[in-house]
Amino acid sequence: MIQSLNQAVYDVSNAKAAQKVKERHLYPLRVTNTTIILVPRKKCNKKYAEEYRKTKMGLNY
């Protein structure tokens, strides 16, 4: 039983490490007051934030 619990912790650790690798080259971009997304360096600008608000979120401000 203890071995199965340790295996679950190990799986979570692997998932956490894999996610950190994916996010290594991403930067936070504030889209609204309450929404922050991670984007590549090229997309980290106000123009992309405005486009994201309109197309993905359906907001027109």
PDB file of N, CA and C in Angstrom:
ATOM      1  N   MET A   1       0.822  -1.194   0.000  1.00  0.00           N
ATOM      2  CA  MET A   1       0.000   0.000   0.000  1.00  0.00           C
ATOM      3  C   MET A   1       0.867   1.261   0.000  1.00  0.00           C
ATOM      4  N   ILE A   2       1.895   1.269   0.802  1.00  0.00           N
ATOM      5  CA  ILE A   2       2.768   2.441   0.872  1.00  0.00           C
ATOM      6  C   ILE A   2       3.462   2.660  -0.472  1.00  0.00           C
ATOM      7  N   GLN A   3       3.818   1.592  -1.130  1.00  0.00           N
ATOM      8  CA  GLN A   3       4.485   1.715  -2.416  1.00  0.00           C
ATOM      9  C   GLN A   3       3.592   2.409  -3.443  1.00  0.00           C
ATOM     10  N   SER A   4       2.294   2.106  -3.437  1.00  0.00           N
ATOM     11  CA  SER A   4       1.387   2.743  -4.385  1.00  0.00           C
ATOM     12  C   SER A   4       1.248   4.236  -4.088  1.00  0.00           C
ATOM     13  N   LEU A   5       1.264   4.611  -2.817  1.00  0.00           N
ATOM     14  CA  LEU A   5       1.191   6.032  -2.465  1.00  0.00           C
ATOM     15  C   LEU A   5       2.444   6.755  -2.938  1.00  0.00           C
ATOM     16  N   ASN A   6       3.589   6.139  -2.771  1.00  0.00           N
ATOM     17  CA  ASN A   6       4.827   6.748  -3.236  1.00  0.00           C
ATOM     18  C   ASN A   6       4.832   6.889  -4.748  1.00  0.00           C
ATOM     19  N   GLN A   7       4.267   5.951  -5.442  1.00  0.00           N
ATOM     20  CA  GLN A   7       4.206   6.011  -6.906  1.00  0.00           C
ATOM     21  C   GLN A   7       3.390   7.221  -7.355  1.00  0.00           C
ATOM     22  N   ALA A   8       2.284   7.513  -6.663  1.00  0.00           N
ATOM     23  CA  ALA A   8       1.457   8.667  -7.019  1.00  0.00           C
ATOM     24  C   ALA A   8       2.241   9.962  -6.849  1.00  0.00           C
ATOM     25  N   VAL A   9       2.998  10.071  -5.785  1.00  0.00           N
ATOM     26  CA  VAL A   9       3.812  11.267  -5.549  1.00  0.00           C
ATOM     27  C   VAL A   9       4.866  11.392  -6.643  1.00  0.00           C
ATOM     28  N   TYR A  10       5.451  10.293  -7.037  1.00  0.00           N
ATOM     29  CA  TYR A  10       6.463  10.291  -8.089  1.00  0.00           C
ATOM     30  C   TYR A  10       5.854  10.748  -9.416  1.00  0.00           C
ATOM     31  N   ASP A  11       4.648  10.290  -9.721  1.00  0.00           N
ATOM     32  CA  ASP A  11       3.977  10.699 -10.953  1.00  0.00           C
ATOM     33  C   ASP A  11       3.698  12.194 -10.958  1.00  0.00           C
ATOM     34  N   VAL A  12       3.291  12.729  -9.837  1.00  0.00           N
ATOM     35  CA  VAL A  12       3.022  14.163  -9.737  1.00  0.00           C
ATOM     36  C   VAL A  12       4.318  14.952  -9.907  1.00  0.00           C
ATOM     37  N   SER A  13       5.387  14.463  -9.343  1.00  0.00           N
ATOM     38  CA  SER A  13       6.677  15.136  -9.488  1.00  0.00           C
ATOM     39  C   SER A  13       7.112  15.163 -10.948  1.00  0.00           C
ATOM     40  N   ASN A  14       6.903  14.062 -11.652  1.00  0.00           N
ATOM     41  CA  ASN A  14       7.251  14.020 -13.079  1.00  0.00           C
ATOM     42  C   ASN A  14       6.396  14.988 -13.876  1.00  0.00           C
ATOM     43  N   ALA A  15       5.109  15.044 -13.573  1.00  0.00           N
ATOM     44  CA  ALA A  15       4.206  15.955 -14.278  1.00  0.00           C
ATOM     45  C   ALA A  15       4.601  17.400 -14.017  1.00  0.00           C
ATOM     46  N   LYS A  16       4.964  17.688 -12.788  1.00  0.00           N
ATOM     47  CA  LYS A  16       5.379  19.047 -12.423  1.00  0.00           C
ATOM     48  C   LYS A  16       6.650  19.439 -13.182  1.00  0.00           C
ATOM     49  N   ALA A  17       7.604  18.542 -13.251  1.00  0.00           N
ATOM     50  CA  ALA A  17       8.853  18.823 -13.958  1.00  0.00           C
ATOM     51  C   ALA A  17       8.596  19.017 -15.453  1.00  0.00           C
ATOM     52  N   ALA A  18       7.728  18.203 -16.022  1.00  0.00           N
ATOM     53  CA  ALA A  18       7.414  18.331 -17.446  1.00  0.00           C
ATOM     54  C   ALA A  18       6.727  19.657 -17.732  1.00  0.00           C
ATOM     55  N   GLN A  19       5.841  20.088 -16.853  1.00  0.00           N
ATOM     56  CA  GLN A  19       5.148  21.357 -17.045  1.00  0.00           C
ATOM     57  C   GLN A  19       6.127  22.533 -16.959  1.00  0.00           C
ATOM     58  N   LYS A  20       7.088  22.452 -16.039  1.00  0.00           N
ATOM     59  CA  LYS A  20       8.091  23.514 -15.927  1.00  0.00           C
ATOM     60  C   LYS A  20       8.910  23.636 -17.212  1.00  0.00           C
ATOM     61  N   VAL A  21       9.226  22.510 -17.839  1.00  0.00           N
ATOM     62  CA  VAL A  21       9.976  22.531 -19.095  1.00  0.00           C
ATOM     63  C   VAL A  21       9.151  23.213 -20.178  1.00  0.00           C
ATOM     64  N   LYS A  22       7.846  22.910 -20.242  1.00  0.00           N
ATOM     65  CA  LYS A  22       6.972  23.533 -21.239  1.00  0.00           C
ATOM     66  C   LYS A  22       6.894  25.046 -21.049  1.00  0.00           C
ATOM     67  N   GLU A  23       6.867  25.493 -19.793  1.00  0.00           N
ATOM     68  CA  GLU A  23       6.680  26.913 -19.495  1.00  0.00           C
ATOM     69  C   GLU A  23       7.986  27.698 -19.436  1.00  0.00           C
ATOM     70  N   ARG A  24       9.096  27.059 -19.702  1.00  0.00           N
ATOM     71  CA  ARG A  24      10.392  27.709 -19.552  1.00  0.00           C
ATOM     72  C   ARG A  24      10.522  28.957 -20.418  1.00  0.00           C
ATOM     73  N   HIS A  25      10.019  28.930 -21.629  1.00  0.00           N
ATOM     74  CA  HIS A  25      10.179  30.054 -22.550  1.00  0.00           C
ATOM     75  C   HIS A  25       8.883  30.837 -22.746  1.00  0.00           C
ATOM     76  N   LEU A  26       8.013  30.806 -21.762  1.00  0.00           N
ATOM     77  CA  LEU A  26       6.762  31.555 -21.835  1.00  0.00           C
ATOM     78  C   LEU A  26       6.792  32.694 -20.832  1.00  0.00           C
ATOM     79  N   TYR A  27       6.090  33.770 -21.174  1.00  0.00           N
ATOM     80  CA  TYR A  27       6.081  34.961 -20.342  1.00  0.00           C
ATOM     81  C   TYR A  27       4.636  35.345 -20.034  1.00  0.00           C
ATOM     82  N   PRO A  28       4.376  35.901 -18.863  1.00  0.00           N
ATOM     83  CA  PRO A  28       3.009  36.288 -18.513  1.00  0.00           C
ATOM     84  C   PRO A  28       2.559  37.523 -19.284  1.00  0.00           C
ATOM     85  N   LEU A  29       1.305  37.509 -19.742  1.00  0.00           N
ATOM     86  CA  LEU A  29       0.708  38.641 -20.436  1.00  0.00           C
ATOM     87  C   LEU A  29      -0.645  38.912 -19.804  1.00  0.00           C
ATOM     88  N   ARG A  30      -0.839  40.114 -19.273  1.00  0.00           N
ATOM     89  CA  ARG A  30      -2.112  40.470 -18.656  1.00  0.00           C
ATOM     90  C   ARG A  30      -3.101  40.846 -19.748  1.00  0.00           C
ATOM     91  N   VAL A  31      -4.196  40.093 -19.821  1.00  0.00           N
ATOM     92  CA  VAL A  31      -5.217  40.320 -20.833  1.00  0.00           C
ATOM     93  C   VAL A  31      -6.313  41.212 -20.261  1.00  0.00           C
ATOM     94  N   THR A  32      -6.782  40.913 -19.070  1.00  0.00           N
ATOM     95  CA  THR A  32      -7.738  41.754 -18.348  1.00  0.00           C
ATOM     96  C   THR A  32      -7.223  41.904 -16.925  1.00  0.00           C
ATOM     97  N   ASN A  33      -8.002  42.584 -16.100  1.00  0.00           N
ATOM     98  CA  ASN A  33      -7.574  42.764 -14.709  1.00  0.00           C
ATOM     99  C   ASN A  33      -7.423  41.438 -13.977  1.00  0.00           C
ATOM    100  N   THR A  34      -8.207  40.450 -14.365  1.00  0.00           N
ATOM    101  CA  THR A  34      -8.195  39.169 -13.665  1.00  0.00           C
ATOM    102  C   THR A  34      -7.619  38.026 -14.484  1.00  0.00           C
ATOM    103  N   THR A  35      -7.211  38.275 -15.719  1.00  0.00           N
ATOM    104  CA  THR A  35      -6.732  37.205 -16.596  1.00  0.00           C
ATOM    105  C   THR A  35      -5.294  37.448 -17.024  1.00  0.00           C
ATOM    106  N   ILE A  36      -4.458  36.463 -16.745  1.00  0.00           N
ATOM    107  CA  ILE A  36      -3.060  36.490 -17.185  1.00  0.00           C
ATOM    108  C   ILE A  36      -2.813  35.182 -17.916  1.00  0.00           C
ATOM    109  N   ILE A  37      -2.232  35.263 -19.116  1.00  0.00           N
ATOM    110  CA  ILE A  37      -1.924  34.073 -19.889  1.00  0.00           C
ATOM    111  C   ILE A  37      -0.421  33.997 -20.122  1.00  0.00           C
ATOM    112  N   LEU A  38       0.068  32.811 -20.421  1.00  0.00           N
ATOM    113  CA  LEU A  38       1.475  32.619 -20.731  1.00  0.00           C
ATOM    114  C   LEU A  38       1.625  32.525 -22.245  1.00  0.00           C
ATOM    115  N   VAL A  39       2.506  33.349 -22.799  1.00  0.00           N
ATOM    116  CA  VAL A  39       2.703  33.399 -24.246  1.00  0.00           C
ATOM    117  C   VAL A  39       4.195  33.438 -24.564  1.00  0.00           C
ATOM    118  N   PRO A  40       4.563  33.082 -25.799  1.00  0.00           N
ATOM    119  CA  PRO A  40       5.959  33.221 -26.215  1.00  0.00           C
ATOM    120  C   PRO A  40       6.367  34.701 -26.249  1.00  0.00           C
ATOM    121  N   ARG A  41       7.636  34.957 -26.257  1.00  0.00           N
ATOM    122  CA  ARG A  41       8.177  36.321 -26.208  1.00  0.00           C
ATOM    123  C   ARG A  41       7.629  37.199 -27.343  1.00  0.00           C
ATOM    124  N   LYS A  42       7.475  36.651 -28.559  1.00  0.00           N
ATOM    125  CA  LYS A  42       7.001  37.427 -29.703  1.00  0.00           C
ATOM    126  C   LYS A  42       5.583  37.943 -29.503  1.00  0.00           C
ATOM    127  N   LYS A  43       4.754  37.193 -28.783  1.00  0.00           N
ATOM    128  CA  LYS A  43       3.351  37.567 -28.614  1.00  0.00           C
ATOM    129  C   LYS A  43       3.109  38.374 -27.336  1.00  0.00           C
ATOM    130  N   CYS A  44       4.130  38.683 -26.614  1.00  0.00           N
ATOM    131  CA  CYS A  44       3.986  39.389 -25.344  1.00  0.00           C
ATOM    132  C   CYS A  44       3.925  40.898 -25.584  1.00  0.00           C
ATOM    133  N   ASN A  45       2.764  41.366 -26.104  1.00  0.00           N
ATOM    134  CA  ASN A  45       2.588  42.795 -26.357  1.00  0.00           C
ATOM    135  C   ASN A  45       1.110  43.174 -26.250  1.00  0.00           C
ATOM    136  N   LYS A  46       0.836  44.461 -26.239  1.00  0.00           N
ATOM    137  CA  LYS A  46      -0.540  44.953 -26.069  1.00  0.00           C
ATOM    138  C   LYS A  46      -1.437  44.571 -27.243  1.00  0.00           C
ATOM    139  N   LYS A  47      -0.890  44.556 -28.438  1.00  0.00           N
ATOM    140  CA  LYS A  47      -1.678  44.211 -29.614  1.00  0.00           C
ATOM    141  C   LYS A  47      -2.222  42.781 -29.506  1.00  0.00           C
ATOM    142  N   TYR A  48      -1.380  41.856 -29.092  1.00  0.00           N
ATOM    143  CA  TYR A  48      -1.828  40.470 -28.950  1.00  0.00           C
ATOM    144  C   TYR A  48      -2.851  40.342 -27.823  1.00  0.00           C
ATOM    145  N   ALA A  49      -2.664  41.076 -26.725  1.00  0.00           N
ATOM    146  CA  ALA A  49      -3.618  41.038 -25.617  1.00  0.00           C
ATOM    147  C   ALA A  49      -4.992  41.513 -26.085  1.00  0.00           C
ATOM    148  N   GLU A  50      -5.022  42.581 -26.871  1.00  0.00           N
ATOM    149  CA  GLU A  50      -6.284  43.107 -27.399  1.00  0.00           C
ATOM    150  C   GLU A  50      -6.946  42.091 -28.335  1.00  0.00           C
ATOM    151  N   GLU A  51      -6.156  41.498 -29.206  1.00  0.00           N
ATOM    152  CA  GLU A  51      -6.671  40.486 -30.129  1.00  0.00           C
ATOM    153  C   GLU A  51      -7.223  39.278 -29.368  1.00  0.00           C
ATOM    154  N   TYR A  52      -6.520  38.862 -28.338  1.00  0.00           N
ATOM    155  CA  TYR A  52      -6.952  37.731 -27.519  1.00  0.00           C
ATOM    156  C   TYR A  52      -8.286  38.032 -26.837  1.00  0.00           C
ATOM    157  N   ARG A  53      -8.397  39.247 -26.277  1.00  0.00           N
ATOM    158  CA  ARG A  53      -9.655  39.651 -25.621  1.00  0.00           C
ATOM    159  C   ARG A  53     -10.826  39.566 -26.589  1.00  0.00           C
ATOM    160  N   LYS A  54     -10.633  40.049 -27.802  1.00  0.00           N
ATOM    161  CA  LYS A  54     -11.724  40.086 -28.779  1.00  0.00           C
ATOM    162  C   LYS A  54     -12.076  38.704 -29.309  1.00  0.00           C
ATOM    163  N   THR A  55     -11.073  37.933 -29.717  1.00  0.00           N
ATOM    164  CA  THR A  55     -11.359  36.658 -30.384  1.00  0.00           C
ATOM    165  C   THR A  55     -11.643  35.520 -29.406  1.00  0.00           C
ATOM    166  N   LYS A  56     -10.834  35.371 -28.404  1.00  0.00           N
ATOM    167  CA  LYS A  56     -10.967  34.215 -27.507  1.00  0.00           C
ATOM    168  C   LYS A  56     -11.965  34.446 -26.379  1.00  0.00           C
ATOM    169  N   MET A  57     -12.039  35.688 -25.892  1.00  0.00           N
ATOM    170  CA  MET A  57     -12.883  35.960 -24.733  1.00  0.00           C
ATOM    171  C   MET A  57     -14.191  36.641 -25.120  1.00  0.00           C
ATOM    172  N   GLY A  58     -14.281  37.192 -26.315  1.00  0.00           N
ATOM    173  CA  GLY A  58     -15.501  37.855 -26.752  1.00  0.00           C
ATOM    174  C   GLY A  58     -15.745  39.196 -26.086  1.00  0.00           C
ATOM    175  N   LEU A  59     -14.685  39.844 -25.628  1.00  0.00           N
ATOM    176  CA  LEU A  59     -14.805  41.148 -24.994  1.00  0.00           C
ATOM    177  C   LEU A  59     -14.421  42.231 -25.993  1.00  0.00           C
ATOM    178  N   ASN A  60     -15.145  43.354 -25.980  1.00  0.00           N
ATOM    179  CA  ASN A  60     -14.866  44.418 -26.946  1.00  0.00           C
ATOM    180  C   ASN A  60     -14.465  45.728 -26.282  1.00  0.00           C
ATOM    181  N   TYR A  61     -13.615  45.636 -25.289  1.00  0.00           N
ATOM    182  CA  TYR A  61     -13.126  46.881 -24.685  1.00  0.00           C
ATOM    183  C   TYR A  61     -11.643  46.947 -24.724  1.00  0.00           C
TER     184      TYR A  61
END
